[in-house]
Amino acid sequence: MSTRPLFVVAGVGNGTGDRVFSKAGYRVALIARNAEHLKKTADEINATGGEAVAFPVPSYAYSDIASVFDKIRAHQWASGGRTELRAALFNAGAGVWKPFLDVTEADVALITETNVTAAFAFARQVLLAFKQNEVDEKGKRGTLLFTGATASIRGNVTTSAFAAGKFALRALSQSLNKEFGKQNIHVAHAIIDGGILTDLSLSRRQGDPEWKSNGDIRLDPESIGKSYLYLANQDRSAWTWELDLRPAHEKW
């Protein structure tokens, strides 16, 4: 029986590419704090013929991220056979948008845990797994992706906390790209600039039918997923470190 590739996502949302990777033949391990949402996403993937499992975590503390990878490694997949971690996405985020003097110690702790502590723990587990893989036909052992934002490259009047976290995540991705590229491990960072078509964004724009129908003004989750899969499929002769995604009419 052939070995199946595994895609691990931390911070499950509409734009993570889990469904796109599933359609491409990957098993999918979903990590997040919202167990109910995780199960719903896994059930939807499984209902379309994919193979996904939810792995909820109580927090994004370093130890919780390490523990959940133990569970993923020990999991017996329903279809049987071996699996290798070949792609991973760190999509966890902490939305703190406040004037600087309104930012609390708890806000700083949340930003730090999500964008630094959890990101380091996630990357460590993924990279250790990649190092055990053989180089594949594309010349790589695996692809580690990080989701960024406009705040990854510039601050603004209410993003002192949010941008600090995103700057840290971007710096981590660049450092890992340079350190592990020589081991045929691909690390990439994606700046997502603009609103994404999600159930939540639709509910907030019920009086705006264009939000659902007009791809010029918002990002489509499947299109983001296809971009992530494109990065995972790049061969070693031409790797992207940073990808900037935005809808056609987004002001920037």
Protein backbone atom coordinates (compact mmCIF):
# COMPACT_ATOMS: atom_id res chain seq x y z
CA MET A 1 0.00 0.00 0.00
CA SER A 2 1.41 3.40 -0.99
CA THR A 3 2.25 6.12 1.52
CA ARG A 4 -0.30 8.94 1.72
CA PRO A 5 0.84 12.55 2.24
CA LEU A 6 -0.46 14.41 5.29
CA PHE A 7 -1.42 18.10 5.51
CA VAL A 8 -1.54 19.56 9.04
CA VAL A 9 -3.31 22.88 9.69
CA ALA A 10 -3.22 24.89 12.91
CA GLY A 11 -5.94 27.52 13.18
CA VAL A 12 -8.73 26.22 10.98
CA GLY A 13 -10.67 28.77 8.93
CA ASN A 14 -12.27 29.11 5.53
CA GLY A 15 -9.05 30.07 3.78
CA THR A 16 -6.69 27.34 4.94
CA GLY A 17 -6.77 25.12 1.88
CA ASP A 18 -7.74 21.96 3.78
CA ARG A 19 -10.38 21.00 1.20
CA VAL A 20 -8.06 21.74 -1.72
CA PHE A 21 -5.28 19.59 -0.24
CA SER A 22 -7.80 16.83 0.48
CA LYS A 23 -8.90 16.80 -3.16
CA ALA A 24 -5.23 16.55 -4.13
CA GLY A 25 -4.90 13.30 -2.18
CA TYR A 26 -3.66 14.51 1.19
CA ARG A 27 -4.94 13.27 4.51
CA VAL A 28 -5.79 16.29 6.65
CA ALA A 29 -5.16 16.84 10.38
CA LEU A 30 -6.98 19.87 11.76
CA ILE A 31 -5.75 21.67 14.90
CA ALA A 32 -7.64 24.47 16.67
CA ARG A 33 -9.26 25.40 19.97
CA ASN A 34 -12.88 25.27 18.77
CA ALA A 35 -13.70 21.56 18.88
CA GLU A 36 -17.18 21.99 17.41
CA HIS A 37 -15.96 23.94 14.39
CA LEU A 38 -13.10 21.49 13.88
CA LYS A 39 -15.45 18.51 13.82
CA LYS A 40 -17.77 20.29 11.37
CA THR A 41 -14.88 20.98 9.00
CA ALA A 42 -13.58 17.41 9.24
CA ASP A 43 -17.08 16.01 8.64
CA GLU A 44 -17.48 18.17 5.53
CA ILE A 45 -14.17 16.95 4.10
CA ASN A 46 -15.00 13.31 4.86
CA ALA A 47 -18.45 13.68 3.29
CA THR A 48 -16.82 14.56 -0.04
CA GLY A 49 -14.56 11.50 -0.04
CA GLY A 50 -11.58 12.98 1.78
CA GLU A 51 -9.94 11.81 4.98
CA ALA A 52 -9.75 14.38 7.77
CA VAL A 53 -9.52 14.19 11.55
CA ALA A 54 -10.06 16.93 14.14
CA PHE A 55 -7.43 17.37 16.86
CA PRO A 56 -8.72 20.08 19.25
CA VAL A 57 -6.32 21.75 21.67
CA PRO A 58 -7.13 23.56 24.94
CA SER A 59 -4.74 26.40 24.09
CA TYR A 60 -1.84 27.37 21.85
CA ALA A 61 0.66 26.87 24.66
CA TYR A 62 3.94 25.22 23.65
CA SER A 63 3.14 22.00 25.51
CA ASP A 64 -0.35 21.72 23.98
CA ILE A 65 1.04 22.01 20.45
CA ALA A 66 3.70 19.38 21.19
CA SER A 67 1.09 17.06 22.71
CA VAL A 68 -1.29 17.28 19.78
CA PHE A 69 1.47 16.24 17.39
CA ASP A 70 1.96 13.12 19.53
CA LYS A 71 -1.72 12.34 18.94
CA ILE A 72 -1.42 12.95 15.21
CA ARG A 73 1.60 10.65 14.95
CA ALA A 74 -0.21 7.91 16.88
CA HIS A 75 -3.46 8.18 14.92
CA GLN A 76 -4.54 5.16 12.88
CA TRP A 77 -6.09 6.47 9.68
CA ALA A 78 -9.31 4.78 8.60
CA SER A 79 -8.07 3.88 5.12
CA GLY A 80 -4.95 2.22 6.53
CA GLY A 81 -1.38 2.35 5.31
CA ARG A 82 1.47 4.72 6.06
CA THR A 83 1.29 8.48 6.05
CA GLU A 84 4.03 11.11 5.86
CA LEU A 85 3.72 14.73 6.88
CA ARG A 86 4.49 16.59 3.66
CA ALA A 87 2.73 19.95 4.06
CA ALA A 88 1.76 22.09 7.03
CA LEU A 89 0.10 25.48 7.52
CA PHE A 90 0.28 27.71 10.57
CA ASN A 91 -2.89 29.78 10.27
CA ALA A 92 -3.57 30.57 13.93
CA GLY A 93 -4.18 34.24 14.63
CA ALA A 94 -5.02 36.67 17.41
CA GLY A 95 -7.05 39.70 16.40
CA VAL A 96 -6.11 42.61 18.66
CA TRP A 97 -6.90 45.95 17.01
CA LYS A 98 -6.70 48.75 19.59
CA PRO A 99 -4.98 52.09 20.14
CA PHE A 100 -1.65 51.40 21.82
CA LEU A 101 -2.63 52.77 25.25
CA ASP A 102 -5.68 50.47 25.29
CA VAL A 103 -3.59 47.33 24.78
CA THR A 104 -3.56 45.23 27.95
CA GLU A 105 -1.05 42.77 29.37
CA ALA A 106 -3.52 40.01 28.47
CA ASP A 107 -3.55 41.23 24.85
CA VAL A 108 0.25 41.11 24.72
CA ALA A 109 0.22 37.60 26.20
CA LEU A 110 -2.34 36.45 23.61
CA ILE A 111 -0.35 37.89 20.72
CA THR A 112 2.87 36.35 22.03
CA GLU A 113 1.40 32.91 22.67
CA THR A 114 -0.22 32.71 19.24
CA ASN A 115 2.39 34.27 16.97
CA VAL A 116 5.59 33.33 18.78
CA THR A 117 5.13 30.45 21.23
CA ALA A 118 2.66 28.39 19.19
CA ALA A 119 4.39 29.18 15.91
CA PHE A 120 7.75 28.00 17.28
CA ALA A 121 6.21 24.84 18.74
CA PHE A 122 4.32 24.06 15.53
CA ALA A 123 7.34 24.70 13.31
CA ARG A 124 9.58 22.52 15.49
CA GLN A 125 7.25 19.52 15.26
CA VAL A 126 6.78 19.95 11.52
CA LEU A 127 10.46 20.40 10.73
CA LEU A 128 11.47 17.37 12.80
CA ALA A 129 8.98 15.30 10.80
CA PHE A 130 10.17 16.72 7.47
CA LYS A 131 13.80 15.86 8.29
CA GLN A 132 12.80 12.19 8.46
CA ASN A 133 11.30 12.26 4.96
CA GLU A 134 13.13 11.27 1.80
CA VAL A 135 13.46 13.93 -0.89
CA ASP A 136 10.48 13.50 -3.23
CA GLU A 137 10.17 13.89 -7.00
CA LYS A 138 9.89 17.68 -6.59
CA GLY A 139 13.19 17.75 -4.73
CA LYS A 140 11.75 18.54 -1.30
CA ARG A 141 11.08 16.91 2.03
CA GLY A 142 8.07 19.06 2.83
CA THR A 143 6.50 22.52 2.74
CA LEU A 144 5.81 24.65 5.82
CA LEU A 145 3.46 27.60 5.24
CA PHE A 146 2.64 30.59 7.42
CA THR A 147 -0.38 32.86 6.98
CA GLY A 148 0.43 36.55 7.25
CA ALA A 149 -1.44 39.80 6.69
CA THR A 150 -0.84 43.36 5.55
CA ALA A 151 0.23 43.99 9.15
CA SER A 152 3.15 41.60 8.52
CA ILE A 153 4.92 44.36 6.58
CA ARG A 154 3.50 47.62 7.94
CA GLY A 155 1.89 48.94 11.08
CA ASN A 156 -1.08 51.26 11.45
CA VAL A 157 -2.86 53.31 14.09
CA THR A 158 -4.61 50.37 15.79
CA THR A 159 -2.23 47.52 14.94
CA SER A 160 0.63 47.95 17.42
CA ALA A 161 -0.14 44.57 19.00
CA PHE A 162 -1.44 42.78 15.91
CA ALA A 163 1.42 43.94 13.67
CA ALA A 164 4.06 43.07 16.28
CA GLY A 165 2.83 39.48 16.23
CA LYS A 166 2.64 39.31 12.45
CA PHE A 167 6.10 40.84 12.05
CA ALA A 168 7.43 38.13 14.36
CA LEU A 169 5.75 35.38 12.36
CA ARG A 170 7.13 36.73 9.09
CA ALA A 171 10.64 36.95 10.54
CA LEU A 172 10.37 33.37 11.76
CA SER A 173 9.30 32.15 8.32
CA GLN A 174 12.17 33.95 6.59
CA SER A 175 14.72 32.63 9.06
CA LEU A 176 13.45 29.07 8.69
CA ASN A 177 13.45 29.38 4.90
CA LYS A 178 17.13 30.30 4.97
CA GLU A 179 18.10 27.71 7.57
CA PHE A 180 16.23 24.69 6.21
CA GLY A 181 16.23 25.34 2.46
CA LYS A 182 19.64 23.67 2.29
CA GLN A 183 17.98 20.55 3.67
CA ASN A 184 15.39 20.63 0.87
CA ILE A 185 12.66 21.86 3.19
CA HIS A 186 10.52 24.64 1.75
CA VAL A 187 9.23 27.38 4.06
CA ALA A 188 6.91 30.09 2.72
CA HIS A 189 4.91 33.05 4.01
CA ALA A 190 1.63 34.26 2.47
CA ILE A 191 0.38 37.80 2.99
CA ILE A 192 -3.42 37.76 2.81
CA ASP A 193 -4.51 41.32 2.01
CA GLY A 194 -8.28 41.79 1.96
CA GLY A 195 -11.51 40.32 3.23
CA ILE A 196 -12.23 36.63 2.72
CA LEU A 197 -15.59 35.20 1.66
CA THR A 198 -16.61 33.29 4.80
CA ASP A 199 -19.85 32.50 6.60
CA LEU A 200 -18.99 35.20 9.13
CA SER A 201 -18.19 37.88 6.54
CA LEU A 202 -21.42 37.03 4.69
CA SER A 203 -23.46 37.40 7.87
CA ARG A 204 -21.96 40.85 8.42
CA ARG A 205 -22.78 41.98 4.88
CA GLN A 206 -26.31 40.70 4.40
CA GLY A 207 -27.28 43.92 2.62
CA ASP A 208 -24.41 43.64 0.14
CA PRO A 209 -25.09 40.93 -2.49
CA GLU A 210 -21.87 41.83 -4.32
CA TRP A 211 -19.76 40.44 -1.46
CA LYS A 212 -20.83 36.92 -2.38
CA SER A 213 -20.89 37.27 -6.17
CA ASN A 214 -18.06 39.68 -7.00
CA GLY A 215 -14.58 38.13 -6.90
CA ASP A 216 -13.03 41.54 -7.59
CA ILE A 217 -13.66 42.75 -4.04
CA ARG A 218 -12.86 39.79 -1.76
CA LEU A 219 -10.66 36.73 -1.56
CA ASP A 220 -12.15 33.32 -2.30
CA PRO A 221 -11.15 30.57 0.19
CA GLU A 222 -10.67 27.97 -2.53
CA SER A 223 -8.40 30.33 -4.46
CA ILE A 224 -6.26 30.84 -1.36
CA GLY A 225 -6.11 27.06 -0.97
CA LYS A 226 -5.03 26.63 -4.58
CA SER A 227 -2.23 29.14 -4.00
CA TYR A 228 -1.05 27.16 -0.97
CA LEU A 229 -1.12 23.93 -2.97
CA TYR A 230 0.87 25.67 -5.72
CA LEU A 231 3.55 26.47 -3.14
CA ALA A 232 3.58 22.87 -1.94
CA ASN A 233 3.97 21.68 -5.53
CA GLN A 234 6.89 23.96 -6.41
CA ASP A 235 10.05 22.07 -7.32
CA ARG A 236 13.42 22.83 -5.79
CA SER A 237 14.65 24.87 -8.77
CA ALA A 238 12.16 27.70 -8.14
CA TRP A 239 10.83 28.18 -4.60
CA THR A 240 8.76 31.12 -3.38
CA TRP A 241 9.43 32.47 0.09
CA GLU A 242 6.69 35.14 0.16
CA LEU A 243 3.41 35.28 -1.72
CA ASP A 244 1.13 38.33 -1.60
CA LEU A 245 -2.56 37.59 -2.27
CA ARG A 246 -5.32 40.18 -2.70
CA PRO A 247 -8.49 40.60 -4.78
CA ALA A 248 -8.26 42.58 -8.01
CA HIS A 249 -9.87 45.77 -6.68
CA GLU A 250 -8.23 45.82 -3.24
CA LYS A 251 -6.60 49.18 -2.48
CA TRP A 252 -3.01 48.82 -1.34
